[in-house]
Amino acid sequence: EVPCEIRGAPRLSKLVKPPDADALWQWYEAIDQLESDPSWAEVWPAASSLASSLVAEPALVRGRRVVELGAGLGVCGLVAAALEARSVLLMDREPYALHCAMATASLNGFSTSAELGPESGGGAVAAAVVDWAAPEMGRFAGAADVVVCSDVLYDDATVGLLAALAADLLGRGGAIGSVCSSPGNEALLLVTDPEVERFPGARNLFAQALKAAGATAVISRPLPPVSVSASSYSPQGKPERTVLIEARWD
């Protein structure tokens, strides 16, 4: 348990997490889970930047159903809950990450639920262990008004999948045809990415995939650097710059 230092985030003061990614990897080795990814043990600069952006513009999530993809420790989703999102669903393939995220939610007094239904509200937080490519992702089609994710453009083979998945979650994709998540409301995707891309051309490729998935507007803009704190991690040990990608569907 460490302080959660997202400036201006209400109700979110403590974070449940492993000591660091190295310690988590040693534990994974000890229990013979060598396919697991220990990177979720850190709050990366892209997550801190996205959380801070939500604090600066709470209307983006207030009263809306939010899904955080690749949630890890769930910082962005929990900030959305603190900013009065209608409900928040944290999605990740690592069950221990979501265990920590839900423990953080309980520790900070958020309402938690085993799952979210159509009538879920009051800022309820739930979690789902899923793989983006798994067929069961289809059951979440139309589950969100806003999708948030950070530092997820690390593989050119999955960029198109991420764009299509976001459209499905927002009710604008092929999984449910023309059915919209919230008729009359604009659907929104917010993604933060390191200024230095994980692979060359990642953001351009992602923008093309989003437009192919029906996004009517895709913009990118730089965000201020975030400071390194007790709850965050920076490979360089100093503030890092990130870029916000914002996609909208009418």
Protein backbone atom coordinates (compact mmCIF):
# COMPACT_ATOMS: atom_id res chain seq x y z
CA GLU A 1 0.00 0.00 0.00
CA VAL A 2 1.47 3.36 -1.12
CA PRO A 3 0.15 6.92 -1.48
CA CYS A 4 -1.67 7.56 -4.75
CA GLU A 5 -0.39 10.91 -5.92
CA ILE A 6 -2.72 12.05 -8.70
CA ARG A 7 -3.05 15.74 -7.95
CA GLY A 8 -6.65 16.84 -7.52
CA ALA A 9 -8.16 13.32 -7.62
CA PRO A 10 -10.82 13.12 -4.90
CA ARG A 11 -11.23 10.03 -2.71
CA LEU A 12 -8.20 8.26 -4.16
CA SER A 13 -5.37 8.56 -1.66
CA LYS A 14 -3.93 5.03 -1.40
CA LEU A 15 -2.89 2.43 -3.95
CA VAL A 16 -2.48 -1.33 -3.47
CA LYS A 17 0.41 -2.63 -5.58
CA PRO A 18 3.43 -4.95 -5.59
CA PRO A 19 6.77 -3.37 -4.58
CA ASP A 20 7.86 -3.12 -8.24
CA ALA A 21 7.93 -5.07 -11.51
CA ASP A 22 11.19 -6.84 -10.65
CA ALA A 23 9.83 -8.14 -7.36
CA LEU A 24 6.64 -9.25 -9.08
CA TRP A 25 8.60 -11.11 -11.77
CA GLN A 26 10.58 -12.95 -9.09
CA TRP A 27 7.27 -14.01 -7.53
CA TYR A 28 5.91 -15.13 -10.89
CA GLU A 29 9.05 -17.22 -11.36
CA ALA A 30 8.60 -18.76 -7.92
CA ILE A 31 5.07 -19.89 -8.73
CA ASP A 32 5.97 -20.92 -12.30
CA GLN A 33 3.83 -18.32 -14.09
CA LEU A 34 6.41 -17.38 -16.68
CA GLU A 35 3.80 -16.24 -19.24
CA SER A 36 2.57 -13.49 -16.94
CA ASP A 37 3.46 -9.85 -17.51
CA PRO A 38 4.86 -7.99 -14.46
CA SER A 39 4.67 -4.52 -16.02
CA TRP A 40 1.31 -3.84 -14.34
CA ALA A 41 3.12 -3.48 -11.00
CA GLU A 42 4.01 0.11 -11.93
CA VAL A 43 1.96 3.25 -12.54
CA TRP A 44 3.49 4.30 -15.84
CA PRO A 45 3.71 7.96 -16.91
CA ALA A 46 1.03 7.48 -19.58
CA ALA A 47 -1.44 6.33 -16.90
CA SER A 48 -0.57 9.25 -14.61
CA SER A 49 -1.00 11.67 -17.53
CA LEU A 50 -4.39 10.27 -18.47
CA ALA A 51 -5.59 10.33 -14.86
CA SER A 52 -4.47 13.96 -14.53
CA SER A 53 -6.26 14.82 -17.78
CA LEU A 54 -9.49 13.39 -16.41
CA VAL A 55 -9.09 15.45 -13.23
CA ALA A 56 -8.65 18.55 -15.40
CA GLU A 57 -11.80 17.76 -17.43
CA PRO A 58 -14.16 15.76 -15.18
CA ALA A 59 -17.11 16.32 -17.52
CA LEU A 60 -15.55 13.77 -19.86
CA VAL A 61 -16.54 10.96 -17.49
CA ARG A 62 -19.10 12.38 -15.04
CA GLY A 63 -22.36 10.45 -15.24
CA ARG A 64 -21.05 8.15 -17.94
CA ARG A 65 -20.19 4.44 -18.12
CA VAL A 66 -16.43 4.08 -18.30
CA VAL A 67 -14.35 1.06 -19.32
CA GLU A 68 -10.59 1.01 -18.76
CA LEU A 69 -8.82 -1.38 -21.14
CA GLY A 70 -5.50 -2.86 -20.06
CA ALA A 71 -6.29 -1.39 -16.66
CA GLY A 72 -3.38 -2.80 -14.68
CA LEU A 73 -3.65 -1.15 -11.27
CA GLY A 74 -6.78 0.66 -12.44
CA VAL A 75 -5.63 4.19 -11.67
CA CYS A 76 -7.42 5.85 -14.61
CA GLY A 77 -10.66 3.97 -14.07
CA LEU A 78 -10.64 4.69 -10.34
CA VAL A 79 -10.01 8.37 -10.97
CA ALA A 80 -13.05 8.29 -13.28
CA ALA A 81 -15.07 6.73 -10.46
CA ALA A 82 -13.85 9.43 -8.09
CA LEU A 83 -15.02 12.03 -10.63
CA GLU A 84 -18.57 10.62 -10.46
CA ALA A 85 -18.64 8.31 -13.44
CA ARG A 86 -21.90 6.38 -13.50
CA SER A 87 -19.98 3.08 -13.40
CA VAL A 88 -16.46 1.83 -14.10
CA LEU A 89 -15.39 -1.53 -15.52
CA LEU A 90 -11.69 -2.40 -15.27
CA MET A 91 -10.47 -4.89 -17.90
CA ASP A 92 -7.13 -6.68 -17.95
CA ARG A 93 -5.77 -10.13 -18.72
CA GLU A 94 -3.77 -10.25 -15.46
CA PRO A 95 -6.03 -11.36 -12.57
CA TYR A 96 -3.60 -10.26 -9.86
CA ALA A 97 -3.55 -6.76 -11.33
CA LEU A 98 -7.32 -6.54 -11.07
CA HIS A 99 -7.20 -8.00 -7.56
CA CYS A 100 -4.97 -5.08 -6.56
CA ALA A 101 -7.18 -2.59 -8.41
CA MET A 102 -10.33 -3.79 -6.66
CA ALA A 103 -8.51 -3.80 -3.31
CA THR A 104 -7.59 -0.17 -3.99
CA ALA A 105 -11.24 0.60 -4.76
CA SER A 106 -12.37 -0.94 -1.46
CA LEU A 107 -9.57 0.69 0.52
CA ASN A 108 -10.59 4.13 -0.75
CA GLY A 109 -14.30 3.60 -0.07
CA PHE A 110 -15.60 3.10 -3.60
CA SER A 111 -18.70 1.03 -4.23
CA THR A 112 -17.70 -2.29 -5.79
CA SER A 113 -19.68 -4.93 -7.63
CA ALA A 114 -19.06 -8.44 -8.92
CA GLU A 115 -20.33 -7.30 -12.31
CA LEU A 116 -22.10 -4.35 -13.88
CA GLY A 117 -25.62 -4.57 -15.27
CA PRO A 118 -27.67 -2.12 -17.34
CA GLU A 119 -28.92 -0.40 -14.20
CA SER A 120 -25.54 -0.18 -12.44
CA GLY A 121 -24.74 3.31 -11.23
CA GLY A 122 -23.62 5.30 -8.26
CA GLY A 123 -19.98 5.03 -9.31
CA ALA A 124 -19.88 1.24 -8.92
CA VAL A 125 -16.53 -0.35 -9.83
CA ALA A 126 -16.22 -3.87 -11.23
CA ALA A 127 -13.48 -5.87 -12.93
CA ALA A 128 -13.29 -8.45 -15.72
CA VAL A 129 -10.34 -10.71 -16.54
CA VAL A 130 -10.31 -10.80 -20.34
CA ASP A 131 -8.00 -11.06 -23.30
CA TRP A 132 -8.69 -8.57 -26.09
CA ALA A 133 -8.67 -11.28 -28.73
CA ALA A 134 -10.95 -13.67 -26.84
CA PRO A 135 -14.45 -14.37 -28.27
CA GLU A 136 -16.06 -13.55 -24.91
CA MET A 137 -15.21 -9.87 -25.43
CA GLY A 138 -18.36 -9.75 -27.54
CA ARG A 139 -20.53 -9.84 -24.44
CA PHE A 140 -19.23 -6.39 -23.47
CA ALA A 141 -20.35 -4.74 -26.72
CA GLY A 142 -22.08 -1.44 -25.96
CA ALA A 143 -20.91 -1.52 -22.32
CA ALA A 144 -19.27 1.92 -22.39
CA ASP A 145 -19.88 5.57 -23.13
CA VAL A 146 -16.19 6.32 -22.59
CA VAL A 147 -13.21 3.97 -23.04
CA VAL A 148 -9.86 4.91 -21.51
CA CYS A 149 -6.47 3.20 -21.83
CA SER A 150 -2.81 4.08 -21.48
CA ASP A 151 0.44 2.82 -22.98
CA VAL A 152 -1.28 0.15 -25.08
CA LEU A 153 0.21 0.85 -28.54
CA TYR A 154 3.16 -1.47 -28.12
CA ASP A 155 2.53 -4.01 -30.88
CA ASP A 156 1.65 -3.25 -34.50
CA ALA A 157 -0.20 -6.57 -34.71
CA THR A 158 -2.78 -5.50 -32.09
CA VAL A 159 -3.37 -1.84 -32.98
CA GLY A 160 -6.24 -2.65 -35.35
CA LEU A 161 -7.74 -5.04 -32.82
CA LEU A 162 -7.68 -2.34 -30.14
CA ALA A 163 -9.45 0.16 -32.41
CA ALA A 164 -12.18 -2.34 -33.34
CA LEU A 165 -12.58 -3.41 -29.72
CA ALA A 166 -13.00 0.19 -28.57
CA ALA A 167 -15.69 0.72 -31.21
CA ASP A 168 -17.51 -2.43 -30.05
CA LEU A 169 -17.35 -1.42 -26.39
CA LEU A 170 -18.79 1.96 -27.34
CA GLY A 171 -21.60 0.34 -29.30
CA ARG A 172 -20.30 1.59 -32.63
CA GLY A 173 -18.66 -1.57 -33.91
CA GLY A 174 -19.57 -4.60 -35.94
CA ALA A 175 -20.37 -6.77 -32.92
CA ILE A 176 -23.79 -5.19 -32.50
CA GLY A 177 -24.39 -3.44 -35.78
CA SER A 178 -26.06 -0.07 -35.47
CA VAL A 179 -26.98 -0.35 -31.80
CA CYS A 180 -25.46 2.53 -29.81
CA SER A 181 -24.30 2.41 -26.20
CA SER A 182 -26.10 5.64 -25.35
CA PRO A 183 -28.33 6.85 -28.19
CA GLY A 184 -27.91 10.56 -28.81
CA ASN A 185 -24.61 10.75 -26.91
CA GLU A 186 -21.17 10.97 -28.45
CA ALA A 187 -18.95 7.98 -27.74
CA LEU A 188 -15.42 8.76 -26.64
CA LEU A 189 -12.05 6.97 -26.57
CA LEU A 190 -9.08 8.45 -24.68
CA VAL A 191 -5.63 6.88 -25.07
CA THR A 192 -2.32 8.16 -23.73
CA ASP A 193 0.95 7.07 -25.32
CA PRO A 194 4.61 7.86 -24.56
CA GLU A 195 5.96 10.70 -26.68
CA VAL A 196 8.62 8.26 -27.91
CA GLU A 197 6.47 5.58 -29.54
CA ARG A 198 6.82 1.90 -28.65
CA PHE A 199 7.28 1.26 -32.38
CA PRO A 200 7.70 3.75 -35.25
CA GLY A 201 4.43 5.05 -36.65
CA ALA A 202 2.28 3.58 -33.87
CA ARG A 203 -0.02 6.57 -33.48
CA ASN A 204 -0.52 7.09 -37.21
CA LEU A 205 -1.37 3.42 -37.64
CA PHE A 206 -3.79 3.61 -34.72
CA ALA A 207 -5.48 6.74 -36.12
CA GLN A 208 -6.03 4.95 -39.44
CA ALA A 209 -7.49 1.94 -37.63
CA LEU A 210 -9.83 4.16 -35.61
CA LYS A 211 -11.15 5.83 -38.77
CA ALA A 212 -11.63 2.40 -40.33
CA ALA A 213 -13.63 1.49 -37.20
CA GLY A 214 -15.97 4.42 -37.81
CA ALA A 215 -14.49 7.18 -35.64
CA THR A 216 -15.69 10.54 -36.94
CA ALA A 217 -12.90 12.55 -35.31
CA VAL A 218 -9.39 11.56 -34.22
CA ILE A 219 -7.01 14.14 -32.76
CA SER A 220 -3.67 13.91 -30.94
CA ARG A 221 -2.12 16.49 -28.66
CA PRO A 222 0.87 16.56 -26.32
CA LEU A 223 0.31 16.54 -22.57
CA PRO A 224 2.46 18.19 -19.90
CA PRO A 225 5.13 15.94 -18.38
CA VAL A 226 4.16 14.14 -15.19
CA SER A 227 6.35 14.06 -12.11
CA VAL A 228 7.78 10.85 -10.70
CA SER A 229 6.20 10.05 -7.32
CA ALA A 230 6.07 7.25 -4.77
CA SER A 231 3.26 5.54 -6.67
CA SER A 232 4.55 6.07 -10.21
CA TYR A 233 7.45 4.82 -12.28
CA SER A 234 9.56 6.37 -14.99
CA PRO A 235 12.29 4.43 -16.79
CA GLN A 236 14.36 7.63 -16.95
CA GLY A 237 13.64 8.57 -13.34
CA LYS A 238 12.40 12.00 -14.41
CA PRO A 239 9.17 13.55 -15.77
CA GLU A 240 8.14 12.08 -19.12
CA ARG A 241 6.07 13.55 -21.91
CA THR A 242 3.05 11.76 -23.28
CA VAL A 243 0.53 12.25 -26.08
CA LEU A 244 -3.26 12.09 -25.77
CA ILE A 245 -5.21 10.47 -28.61
CA GLU A 246 -8.89 11.35 -28.58
CA ALA A 247 -11.38 9.60 -30.84
CA ARG A 248 -15.10 10.29 -31.10
CA TRP A 249 -18.04 8.51 -32.69
CA ASP A 250 -21.27 10.44 -33.35
